[in-house]
Amino acid sequence: MSADARWYEKLDKTIWHDEAWRDPWVFRFENDPSTWHMLVTARANHGEPATRGVLGHATSTDLLNWDVQPPLSSPGQGFGQLEVFQFEIVDGVPVLVFCCGWRELSAERLAEFGQRDATYSVAVRADLTQIDFNKAKAFEDPLVYAARIVKGRDGWYLIGFVNEVDGQFVGELCDPVPVTATVEAGLVRR
């Protein structure tokens, strides 16, 4: 399976450094156990190159044969690409978690957040419609990259890569961070 040029950008190094179609997250909605959904890092085939990042989507009934679907979000929401998606319902709040390197942020987001790679989250509708990445917020306590959230016996935890400390590369996993979610802020430390 590969990006479908009807909706997604194909490799053109005059526009972007790679073909963004990777980092799959596969799940089923509880109300439709017959369909598998794959969320992928993707870029739209239109719009300002610096903000073409979208939520790529594919579906399958058998996990072997996949049909590429239109993106679940629109370009122009501040990200050149959104990587390593995860969709979960955290304490009753549907949340998308993803990451983005600072070099792939729009000028506006870069001015707001600075030169820091981060994991972001945004509260979404449970059916993944009307996603607004303009509302995404970086998880900064601690600042980690490519994080995952995991449900433990006593709640949800975030774990991700600590890239740098005091300007020096670290490259280690953080300790599990207890989290919850709110509609306004997405993931927050509990």
N, C-alpha and C. Protein backbone atom coordinates (compact mmCIF):
# COMPACT_ATOMS: atom_id res chain seq x y z
N MET A 1 0.85 -1.17 0.00
CA MET A 1 0.00 0.00 0.00
C MET A 1 0.89 1.23 0.00
N SER A 2 0.48 2.23 -0.75
CA SER A 2 1.23 3.49 -0.80
C SER A 2 0.25 4.66 -0.89
N ALA A 3 0.80 5.84 -0.75
CA ALA A 3 -0.02 7.05 -0.82
C ALA A 3 -0.73 7.13 -2.17
N ASP A 4 -2.00 7.47 -2.16
CA ASP A 4 -2.80 7.60 -3.37
C ASP A 4 -2.72 9.05 -3.84
N ALA A 5 -2.21 9.26 -5.04
CA ALA A 5 -1.98 10.61 -5.56
C ALA A 5 -3.26 11.42 -5.73
N ARG A 6 -4.43 10.78 -5.65
CA ARG A 6 -5.67 11.56 -5.71
C ARG A 6 -5.76 12.53 -4.53
N TRP A 7 -5.18 12.15 -3.39
CA TRP A 7 -5.28 12.96 -2.18
C TRP A 7 -3.94 13.33 -1.57
N TYR A 8 -2.94 12.46 -1.79
CA TYR A 8 -1.69 12.58 -1.04
C TYR A 8 -0.52 12.94 -1.96
N GLU A 9 0.41 13.66 -1.38
CA GLU A 9 1.63 14.05 -2.09
C GLU A 9 2.51 12.82 -2.32
N LYS A 10 3.00 12.68 -3.53
CA LYS A 10 3.98 11.66 -3.87
C LYS A 10 5.37 12.31 -3.81
N LEU A 11 6.40 11.51 -3.88
CA LEU A 11 7.76 12.03 -3.76
C LEU A 11 8.07 13.06 -4.84
N ASP A 12 8.43 14.24 -4.41
CA ASP A 12 8.90 15.32 -5.27
C ASP A 12 9.85 16.15 -4.42
N LYS A 13 11.14 15.89 -4.56
CA LYS A 13 12.13 16.52 -3.68
C LYS A 13 12.25 18.02 -3.89
N THR A 14 11.58 18.56 -4.91
CA THR A 14 11.56 20.02 -5.04
C THR A 14 10.53 20.63 -4.08
N ILE A 15 9.65 19.78 -3.51
CA ILE A 15 8.62 20.24 -2.57
C ILE A 15 8.94 19.82 -1.14
N TRP A 16 9.32 18.55 -0.95
CA TRP A 16 9.53 17.98 0.39
C TRP A 16 10.61 16.93 0.32
N HIS A 17 11.26 16.66 1.43
CA HIS A 17 12.44 15.79 1.46
C HIS A 17 12.16 14.30 1.36
N ASP A 18 10.92 13.87 1.54
CA ASP A 18 10.60 12.44 1.41
C ASP A 18 9.12 12.29 1.07
N GLU A 19 8.73 11.06 0.80
CA GLU A 19 7.30 10.78 0.63
C GLU A 19 6.76 10.35 1.98
N ALA A 20 5.93 11.17 2.55
CA ALA A 20 5.40 10.90 3.89
C ALA A 20 4.23 9.92 3.79
N TRP A 21 4.52 8.67 4.05
CA TRP A 21 3.48 7.63 4.12
C TRP A 21 4.05 6.50 4.97
N ARG A 22 3.95 6.67 6.28
CA ARG A 22 4.62 5.74 7.20
C ARG A 22 3.99 5.84 8.59
N ASP A 23 4.60 5.13 9.53
CA ASP A 23 4.23 5.17 10.96
C ASP A 23 2.78 4.74 11.19
N PRO A 24 2.38 3.55 10.75
CA PRO A 24 0.97 3.17 10.88
C PRO A 24 0.53 2.93 12.32
N TRP A 25 -0.69 3.34 12.61
CA TRP A 25 -1.39 3.00 13.85
C TRP A 25 -2.69 2.34 13.43
N VAL A 26 -2.89 1.09 13.83
CA VAL A 26 -4.04 0.30 13.39
C VAL A 26 -4.95 0.02 14.58
N PHE A 27 -6.25 0.20 14.36
CA PHE A 27 -7.24 0.00 15.42
C PHE A 27 -8.61 -0.24 14.80
N ARG A 28 -9.57 -0.60 15.65
CA ARG A 28 -10.98 -0.70 15.25
C ARG A 28 -11.81 0.17 16.18
N PHE A 29 -12.87 0.75 15.63
CA PHE A 29 -13.85 1.43 16.47
C PHE A 29 -14.70 0.37 17.15
N GLU A 30 -15.06 0.59 18.40
CA GLU A 30 -15.88 -0.39 19.13
C GLU A 30 -17.21 -0.66 18.45
N ASN A 31 -17.79 0.37 17.82
CA ASN A 31 -19.11 0.19 17.20
C ASN A 31 -19.03 -0.41 15.80
N ASP A 32 -17.82 -0.69 15.29
CA ASP A 32 -17.65 -1.30 13.97
C ASP A 32 -16.46 -2.26 13.99
N PRO A 33 -16.61 -3.42 14.63
CA PRO A 33 -15.47 -4.34 14.75
C PRO A 33 -15.07 -5.03 13.44
N SER A 34 -15.84 -4.84 12.37
CA SER A 34 -15.51 -5.50 11.11
C SER A 34 -14.52 -4.70 10.26
N THR A 35 -14.27 -3.44 10.61
CA THR A 35 -13.39 -2.59 9.80
C THR A 35 -12.18 -2.14 10.62
N TRP A 36 -11.01 -2.41 10.07
CA TRP A 36 -9.77 -1.92 10.65
C TRP A 36 -9.43 -0.57 10.03
N HIS A 37 -8.89 0.33 10.83
CA HIS A 37 -8.48 1.66 10.36
C HIS A 37 -6.99 1.81 10.59
N MET A 38 -6.31 2.36 9.61
CA MET A 38 -4.90 2.66 9.73
C MET A 38 -4.71 4.17 9.61
N LEU A 39 -4.07 4.76 10.61
CA LEU A 39 -3.71 6.17 10.58
C LEU A 39 -2.23 6.24 10.21
N VAL A 40 -1.88 7.11 9.27
CA VAL A 40 -0.49 7.19 8.81
C VAL A 40 -0.03 8.64 8.67
N THR A 41 1.27 8.81 8.80
CA THR A 41 1.92 10.08 8.48
C THR A 41 1.72 10.32 6.99
N ALA A 42 1.21 11.49 6.63
CA ALA A 42 0.94 11.78 5.22
C ALA A 42 0.97 13.28 4.98
N ARG A 43 1.03 13.63 3.70
CA ARG A 43 0.98 15.03 3.28
C ARG A 43 -0.02 15.16 2.14
N ALA A 44 -0.80 16.24 2.18
CA ALA A 44 -1.77 16.51 1.12
C ALA A 44 -1.04 16.87 -0.17
N ASN A 45 -1.72 16.65 -1.28
CA ASN A 45 -1.12 16.96 -2.59
C ASN A 45 -1.40 18.40 -3.03
N HIS A 46 -1.85 19.24 -2.11
CA HIS A 46 -2.13 20.64 -2.44
C HIS A 46 -1.89 21.50 -1.21
N GLY A 47 -1.79 22.79 -1.44
CA GLY A 47 -1.60 23.72 -0.34
C GLY A 47 -0.16 24.17 -0.21
N GLU A 48 0.06 25.05 0.73
CA GLU A 48 1.40 25.56 1.03
C GLU A 48 2.30 24.39 1.47
N PRO A 49 3.43 24.17 0.82
CA PRO A 49 4.27 23.01 1.15
C PRO A 49 4.64 22.89 2.63
N ALA A 50 4.82 24.00 3.32
CA ALA A 50 5.22 23.95 4.72
C ALA A 50 4.11 23.50 5.66
N THR A 51 2.87 23.44 5.17
CA THR A 51 1.75 23.07 6.04
C THR A 51 0.85 22.00 5.41
N ARG A 52 1.44 21.10 4.65
CA ARG A 52 0.65 20.05 4.00
C ARG A 52 0.41 18.81 4.85
N GLY A 53 0.89 18.79 6.09
CA GLY A 53 0.71 17.62 6.93
C GLY A 53 -0.76 17.32 7.18
N VAL A 54 -1.15 16.05 6.97
CA VAL A 54 -2.53 15.60 7.20
C VAL A 54 -2.51 14.23 7.88
N LEU A 55 -3.67 13.82 8.36
CA LEU A 55 -3.85 12.50 8.94
C LEU A 55 -4.26 11.55 7.82
N GLY A 56 -3.30 10.74 7.36
CA GLY A 56 -3.58 9.76 6.32
C GLY A 56 -4.44 8.63 6.87
N HIS A 57 -5.21 7.98 5.97
CA HIS A 57 -6.20 7.00 6.42
C HIS A 57 -6.33 5.88 5.39
N ALA A 58 -6.43 4.66 5.89
CA ALA A 58 -6.72 3.49 5.06
C ALA A 58 -7.61 2.55 5.88
N THR A 59 -8.36 1.69 5.18
CA THR A 59 -9.25 0.75 5.87
C THR A 59 -9.07 -0.65 5.30
N SER A 60 -9.43 -1.65 6.14
CA SER A 60 -9.32 -3.05 5.74
C SER A 60 -10.33 -3.86 6.54
N THR A 61 -10.76 -4.97 5.95
CA THR A 61 -11.61 -5.90 6.69
C THR A 61 -10.84 -7.14 7.13
N ASP A 62 -9.60 -7.31 6.62
CA ASP A 62 -8.85 -8.53 6.93
C ASP A 62 -7.40 -8.29 7.34
N LEU A 63 -6.97 -7.06 7.45
CA LEU A 63 -5.60 -6.67 7.80
C LEU A 63 -4.57 -7.02 6.73
N LEU A 64 -5.00 -7.59 5.63
CA LEU A 64 -4.09 -7.92 4.53
C LEU A 64 -4.28 -7.00 3.34
N ASN A 65 -5.52 -6.71 3.02
CA ASN A 65 -5.85 -5.87 1.87
C ASN A 65 -6.38 -4.54 2.39
N TRP A 66 -5.73 -3.47 1.96
CA TRP A 66 -6.05 -2.14 2.46
C TRP A 66 -6.53 -1.24 1.34
N ASP A 67 -7.51 -0.40 1.65
CA ASP A 67 -8.00 0.62 0.73
C ASP A 67 -7.63 1.99 1.27
N VAL A 68 -6.86 2.73 0.49
CA VAL A 68 -6.48 4.08 0.90
C VAL A 68 -7.71 4.98 0.81
N GLN A 69 -7.92 5.76 1.86
CA GLN A 69 -9.07 6.67 1.96
C GLN A 69 -8.57 8.11 1.90
N PRO A 70 -9.47 9.06 1.69
CA PRO A 70 -9.07 10.47 1.77
C PRO A 70 -8.54 10.79 3.18
N PRO A 71 -7.74 11.82 3.31
CA PRO A 71 -7.23 12.18 4.64
C PRO A 71 -8.37 12.57 5.58
N LEU A 72 -8.12 12.36 6.86
CA LEU A 72 -9.11 12.70 7.88
C LEU A 72 -8.96 14.13 8.39
N SER A 73 -8.02 14.87 7.82
CA SER A 73 -7.84 16.27 8.18
C SER A 73 -7.49 17.05 6.93
N SER A 74 -7.44 18.35 7.06
CA SER A 74 -7.10 19.24 5.94
C SER A 74 -5.70 19.79 6.12
N PRO A 75 -5.03 20.13 5.02
CA PRO A 75 -3.73 20.79 5.14
C PRO A 75 -3.92 22.22 5.65
N GLY A 76 -2.80 22.89 5.92
CA GLY A 76 -2.87 24.29 6.33
C GLY A 76 -3.13 24.48 7.81
N GLN A 77 -2.78 23.47 8.63
CA GLN A 77 -3.04 23.57 10.07
C GLN A 77 -1.77 23.63 10.90
N GLY A 78 -0.68 24.12 10.29
CA GLY A 78 0.52 24.41 11.07
C GLY A 78 1.62 23.39 11.07
N PHE A 79 1.41 22.27 10.37
CA PHE A 79 2.41 21.20 10.41
C PHE A 79 2.80 20.76 8.99
N GLY A 80 4.10 20.64 8.75
CA GLY A 80 4.57 20.09 7.48
C GLY A 80 4.31 18.60 7.41
N GLN A 81 4.39 17.94 8.54
CA GLN A 81 3.98 16.55 8.66
C GLN A 81 3.68 16.27 10.12
N LEU A 82 2.83 15.29 10.33
CA LEU A 82 2.45 14.86 11.67
C LEU A 82 2.81 13.38 11.72
N GLU A 83 3.65 12.99 12.67
CA GLU A 83 4.19 11.64 12.68
C GLU A 83 3.69 10.82 13.88
N VAL A 84 3.75 9.51 13.74
CA VAL A 84 3.57 8.55 14.82
C VAL A 84 2.23 8.78 15.54
N PHE A 85 1.15 8.72 14.79
CA PHE A 85 -0.19 8.91 15.36
C PHE A 85 -0.58 7.79 16.31
N GLN A 86 -1.42 8.15 17.27
CA GLN A 86 -2.11 7.19 18.11
C GLN A 86 -3.46 7.79 18.45
N PHE A 87 -4.51 6.98 18.36
CA PHE A 87 -5.86 7.40 18.73
C PHE A 87 -6.31 6.56 19.91
N GLU A 88 -6.75 7.23 20.97
CA GLU A 88 -7.27 6.55 22.16
C GLU A 88 -8.37 7.40 22.76
N ILE A 89 -9.19 6.75 23.57
CA ILE A 89 -10.16 7.49 24.37
C ILE A 89 -9.63 7.44 25.80
N VAL A 90 -9.14 8.58 26.26
CA VAL A 90 -8.47 8.68 27.55
C VAL A 90 -9.43 9.31 28.56
N ASP A 91 -9.83 8.51 29.52
CA ASP A 91 -10.75 8.99 30.56
C ASP A 91 -11.96 9.70 29.96
N GLY A 92 -12.51 9.09 28.90
CA GLY A 92 -13.71 9.59 28.26
C GLY A 92 -13.50 10.63 27.18
N VAL A 93 -12.26 11.05 26.95
CA VAL A 93 -11.96 12.09 25.96
C VAL A 93 -11.22 11.46 24.77
N PRO A 94 -11.80 11.47 23.57
CA PRO A 94 -11.08 10.97 22.39
C PRO A 94 -9.91 11.90 22.08
N VAL A 95 -8.73 11.31 21.91
CA VAL A 95 -7.51 12.09 21.73
C VAL A 95 -6.65 11.50 20.62
N LEU A 96 -6.08 12.38 19.80
CA LEU A 96 -5.02 11.99 18.87
C LEU A 96 -3.70 12.48 19.44
N VAL A 97 -2.72 11.60 19.44
CA VAL A 97 -1.36 11.93 19.86
C VAL A 97 -0.48 11.79 18.63
N PHE A 98 0.46 12.70 18.45
CA PHE A 98 1.38 12.66 17.31
C PHE A 98 2.60 13.48 17.65
N CYS A 99 3.59 13.47 16.79
CA CYS A 99 4.77 14.29 17.03
C CYS A 99 5.14 15.05 15.76
N CYS A 100 5.96 16.08 15.97
CA CYS A 100 6.46 16.87 14.85
C CYS A 100 7.77 17.50 15.27
N GLY A 101 8.76 17.44 14.37
CA GLY A 101 10.03 18.11 14.61
C GLY A 101 9.89 19.60 14.33
N TRP A 102 10.69 20.40 15.00
CA TRP A 102 10.55 21.86 14.86
C TRP A 102 10.81 22.33 13.44
N ARG A 103 11.64 21.63 12.69
CA ARG A 103 11.93 22.04 11.31
C ARG A 103 10.73 21.86 10.39
N GLU A 104 9.71 21.13 10.87
CA GLU A 104 8.52 20.83 10.07
C GLU A 104 7.29 21.58 10.57
N LEU A 105 7.50 22.58 11.40
CA LEU A 105 6.42 23.43 11.88
C LEU A 105 6.25 24.63 10.95
N SER A 106 5.03 25.14 10.88
CA SER A 106 4.81 26.39 10.14
C SER A 106 5.54 27.52 10.86
N ALA A 107 5.74 28.62 10.17
CA ALA A 107 6.41 29.78 10.77
C ALA A 107 5.66 30.25 12.02
N GLU A 108 4.34 30.22 11.98
CA GLU A 108 3.54 30.65 13.13
C GLU A 108 3.75 29.72 14.33
N ARG A 109 3.70 28.41 14.09
CA ARG A 109 3.92 27.46 15.19
C ARG A 109 5.34 27.55 15.72
N LEU A 110 6.30 27.73 14.82
CA LEU A 110 7.69 27.85 15.24
C LEU A 110 7.88 29.07 16.13
N ALA A 111 7.26 30.18 15.76
CA ALA A 111 7.35 31.40 16.57
C ALA A 111 6.71 31.18 17.94
N GLU A 112 5.64 30.40 17.97
CA GLU A 112 4.91 30.14 19.22
C GLU A 112 5.66 29.17 20.12
N PHE A 113 6.24 28.11 19.53
CA PHE A 113 6.78 27.00 20.32
C PHE A 113 8.30 26.95 20.35
N GLY A 114 8.95 27.51 19.36
CA GLY A 114 10.41 27.49 19.34
C GLY A 114 10.99 26.25 18.69
N GLN A 115 12.30 26.17 18.70
CA GLN A 115 13.03 25.09 18.04
C GLN A 115 13.11 23.87 18.95
N ARG A 116 11.96 23.24 19.16
CA ARG A 116 11.89 22.05 20.00
C ARG A 116 11.04 21.00 19.31
N ASP A 117 11.57 19.79 19.21
CA ASP A 117 10.79 18.66 18.71
C ASP A 117 9.85 18.23 19.84
N ALA A 118 8.62 17.84 19.49
CA ALA A 118 7.67 17.56 20.56
C ALA A 118 6.61 16.54 20.16
N THR A 119 6.01 15.97 21.18
CA THR A 119 4.79 15.18 21.04
C THR A 119 3.63 16.14 21.30
N TYR A 120 2.62 16.06 20.46
CA TYR A 120 1.43 16.91 20.55
C TYR A 120 0.21 16.04 20.78
N SER A 121 -0.86 16.67 21.24
CA SER A 121 -2.14 15.98 21.32
C SER A 121 -3.25 16.97 21.03
N VAL A 122 -4.38 16.42 20.62
CA VAL A 122 -5.56 17.24 20.37
C VAL A 122 -6.79 16.39 20.65
N ALA A 123 -7.74 16.96 21.36
CA ALA A 123 -9.02 16.28 21.57
C ALA A 123 -9.79 16.29 20.25
N VAL A 124 -10.43 15.17 19.93
CA VAL A 124 -11.13 15.02 18.66
C VAL A 124 -12.50 14.41 18.91
N ARG A 125 -13.30 14.34 17.87
CA ARG A 125 -14.56 13.62 17.93
C ARG A 125 -14.26 12.12 17.89
N ALA A 126 -15.08 11.32 18.53
CA ALA A 126 -14.84 9.88 18.61
C ALA A 126 -14.87 9.19 17.26
N ASP A 127 -15.50 9.81 16.25
CA ASP A 127 -15.54 9.21 14.92
C ASP A 127 -14.45 9.76 14.00
N LEU A 128 -13.54 10.56 14.56
CA LEU A 128 -12.42 11.15 13.82
C LEU A 128 -12.86 12.02 12.64
N THR A 129 -13.93 12.75 12.82
CA THR A 129 -14.34 13.73 11.82
C THR A 129 -14.04 15.13 12.36
N GLN A 130 -13.94 16.08 11.46
CA GLN A 130 -13.74 17.49 11.80
C GLN A 130 -12.52 17.71 12.71
N ILE A 131 -11.41 17.06 12.37
CA ILE A 131 -10.18 17.20 13.16
C ILE A 131 -9.57 18.58 12.92
N ASP A 132 -9.23 19.25 14.00
CA ASP A 132 -8.64 20.59 13.91
C ASP A 132 -7.28 20.59 14.60
N PHE A 133 -6.21 20.39 13.82
CA PHE A 133 -4.87 20.37 14.38
C PHE A 133 -4.41 21.75 14.82
N ASN A 134 -5.13 22.80 14.45
CA ASN A 134 -4.80 24.13 14.96
C ASN A 134 -4.93 24.18 16.48
N LYS A 135 -5.72 23.28 17.05
CA LYS A 135 -5.92 23.24 18.50
C LYS A 135 -4.92 22.34 19.22
N ALA A 136 -4.02 21.70 18.48
CA ALA A 136 -3.06 20.78 19.08
C ALA A 136 -2.11 21.52 20.01
N LYS A 137 -1.76 20.85 21.11
CA LYS A 137 -0.84 21.42 22.08
C LYS A 137 0.31 20.45 22.32
N ALA A 138 1.50 21.01 22.50
CA ALA A 138 2.67 20.18 22.82
C ALA A 138 2.59 19.71 24.26
N PHE A 139 2.99 18.46 24.48
CA PHE A 139 3.12 17.93 25.84
C PHE A 139 4.52 18.29 26.31
N GLU A 140 4.62 19.13 27.33
CA GLU A 140 5.92 19.67 27.73
C GLU A 140 6.40 19.22 29.10
N ASP A 141 5.71 18.30 29.74
CA ASP A 141 6.06 17.96 31.12
C ASP A 141 6.15 16.45 31.31
N PRO A 142 7.21 15.81 30.79
CA PRO A 142 8.42 16.35 30.16
C PRO A 142 8.25 16.47 28.64
N LEU A 143 9.20 17.15 28.01
CA LEU A 143 9.23 17.30 26.56
C LEU A 143 9.82 16.02 25.97
N VAL A 144 8.98 15.25 25.26
CA VAL A 144 9.42 13.98 24.67
C VAL A 144 8.98 13.92 23.21
N TYR A 145 9.55 12.96 22.47
CA TYR A 145 9.24 12.80 21.06
C TYR A 145 8.75 11.38 20.81
N ALA A 146 7.87 11.24 19.83
CA ALA A 146 7.34 9.93 19.42
C ALA A 146 6.76 9.16 20.61
N ALA A 147 5.99 9.85 21.42
CA ALA A 147 5.43 9.24 22.63
C ALA A 147 4.26 8.32 22.30
N ARG A 148 4.04 7.40 23.20
CA ARG A 148 2.87 6.52 23.18
C ARG A 148 2.18 6.65 24.52
N ILE A 149 0.86 6.44 24.49
CA ILE A 149 0.12 6.38 25.74
C ILE A 149 -0.34 4.95 25.94
N VAL A 150 -0.26 4.50 27.19
CA VAL A 150 -0.56 3.11 27.54
C VAL A 150 -1.48 3.12 28.75
N LYS A 151 -2.48 2.25 28.72
CA LYS A 151 -3.39 2.16 29.86
C LYS A 151 -2.84 1.15 30.85
N GLY A 152 -2.60 1.61 32.06
CA GLY A 152 -2.14 0.75 33.14
C GLY A 152 -3.28 0.40 34.07
N ARG A 153 -2.97 -0.30 35.14
CA ARG A 153 -4.01 -0.71 36.10
C ARG A 153 -4.67 0.48 36.78
N ASP A 154 -3.90 1.56 36.92
CA ASP A 154 -4.43 2.71 37.66
C ASP A 154 -4.55 3.97 36.80
N GLY A 155 -4.66 3.79 35.49
CA GLY A 155 -4.85 4.95 34.61
C GLY A 155 -3.90 4.94 33.43
N TRP A 156 -3.87 6.06 32.74
CA TRP A 156 -3.09 6.20 31.51
C TRP A 156 -1.71 6.77 31.80
N TYR A 157 -0.74 6.33 30.98
CA TYR A 157 0.65 6.79 31.10
C TYR A 157 1.19 7.13 29.73
N LEU A 158 2.05 8.13 29.69
CA LEU A 158 2.75 8.52 28.47
C LEU A 158 4.22 8.12 28.63
N ILE A 159 4.80 7.58 27.57
CA ILE A 159 6.22 7.28 27.55
C ILE A 159 6.74 7.67 26.17
N GLY A 160 7.88 8.34 26.15
CA GLY A 160 8.43 8.81 24.88
C GLY A 160 9.93 9.00 24.99
N PHE A 161 10.52 9.45 23.89
CA PHE A 161 11.96 9.63 23.82
C PHE A 161 12.36 11.02 24.29
N VAL A 162 13.31 11.08 25.21
CA VAL A 162 13.93 12.33 25.63
C VAL A 162 15.05 12.59 24.63
N ASN A 163 14.87 13.56 23.75
CA ASN A 163 15.88 13.83 22.72
C ASN A 163 17.08 14.57 23.27
N GLU A 164 16.82 15.66 24.01
CA GLU A 164 17.91 16.51 24.48
C GLU A 164 17.67 16.97 25.91
N VAL A 165 18.76 17.16 26.62
CA VAL A 165 18.74 17.81 27.93
C VAL A 165 19.87 18.83 27.92
N ASP A 166 19.56 20.07 28.18
CA ASP A 166 20.54 21.16 28.17
C ASP A 166 21.34 21.20 26.87
N GLY A 167 20.65 20.97 25.75
CA GLY A 167 21.28 21.06 24.44
C GLY A 167 22.10 19.84 24.04
N GLN A 168 22.15 18.83 24.87
CA GLN A 168 22.91 17.62 24.58
C GLN A 168 21.97 16.46 24.26
N PHE A 169 22.31 15.69 23.21
CA PHE A 169 21.48 14.55 22.83
C PHE A 169 21.49 13.51 23.94
N VAL A 170 20.30 12.99 24.28
CA VAL A 170 20.15 11.96 25.30
C VAL A 170 19.70 10.66 24.66
N GLY A 171 18.56 10.69 23.95
CA GLY A 171 18.08 9.51 23.24
C GLY A 171 17.65 8.37 24.12
N GLU A 172 17.01 8.66 25.24
CA GLU A 172 16.53 7.60 26.11
C GLU A 172 15.03 7.76 26.34
N LEU A 173 14.40 6.69 26.82
CA LEU A 173 12.98 6.76 27.15
C LEU A 173 12.79 7.43 28.50
N CYS A 174 11.75 8.24 28.60
CA CYS A 174 11.41 8.85 29.89
C CYS A 174 10.75 7.81 30.78
N ASP A 175 10.69 8.11 32.06
CA ASP A 175 9.90 7.29 32.96
C ASP A 175 8.43 7.48 32.58
N PRO A 176 7.57 6.49 32.85
CA PRO A 176 6.15 6.66 32.55
C PRO A 176 5.58 7.88 33.27
N VAL A 177 4.81 8.68 32.53
CA VAL A 177 4.22 9.91 33.05
C VAL A 177 2.71 9.69 33.17
N PRO A 178 2.14 9.81 34.37
CA PRO A 178 0.68 9.65 34.49
C PRO A 178 -0.04 10.79 33.79
N VAL A 179 -1.01 10.45 32.92
CA VAL A 179 -1.73 11.46 32.16
C VAL A 179 -3.23 11.21 32.20
N THR A 180 -3.96 12.24 31.89
CA THR A 180 -5.38 12.17 31.61
C THR A 180 -5.61 13.08 30.41
N ALA A 181 -6.86 13.35 30.06
CA ALA A 181 -7.12 14.22 28.91
C ALA A 181 -8.29 15.13 29.22
N THR A 182 -8.24 16.32 28.61
CA THR A 182 -9.36 17.25 28.68
C THR A 182 -9.71 17.68 27.26
N VAL A 183 -10.94 18.09 27.06
CA VAL A 183 -11.37 18.55 25.74
C VAL A 183 -10.57 19.79 25.33
N GLU A 184 -10.25 20.64 26.28
CA GLU A 184 -9.55 21.89 25.98
C GLU A 184 -8.07 21.70 25.68
N ALA A 185 -7.40 20.82 26.40
CA ALA A 185 -5.94 20.73 26.31
C ALA A 185 -5.41 19.42 25.75
N GLY A 186 -6.27 18.44 25.48
CA GLY A 186 -5.75 17.14 25.06
C GLY A 186 -5.11 16.46 26.25
N LEU A 187 -3.95 15.84 26.04
CA LEU A 187 -3.26 15.15 27.14
C LEU A 187 -2.68 16.13 28.13
N VAL A 188 -2.86 15.83 29.41
CA VAL A 188 -2.26 16.62 30.49
C VAL A 188 -1.77 15.66 31.57
N ARG A 189 -0.75 16.10 32.29
CA ARG A 189 -0.24 15.31 33.41
C ARG A 189 -1.32 15.24 34.50
N ARG A 190 -1.45 14.06 35.11
CA ARG A 190 -2.41 13.96 36.23
C ARG A 190 -1.66 13.86 37.54
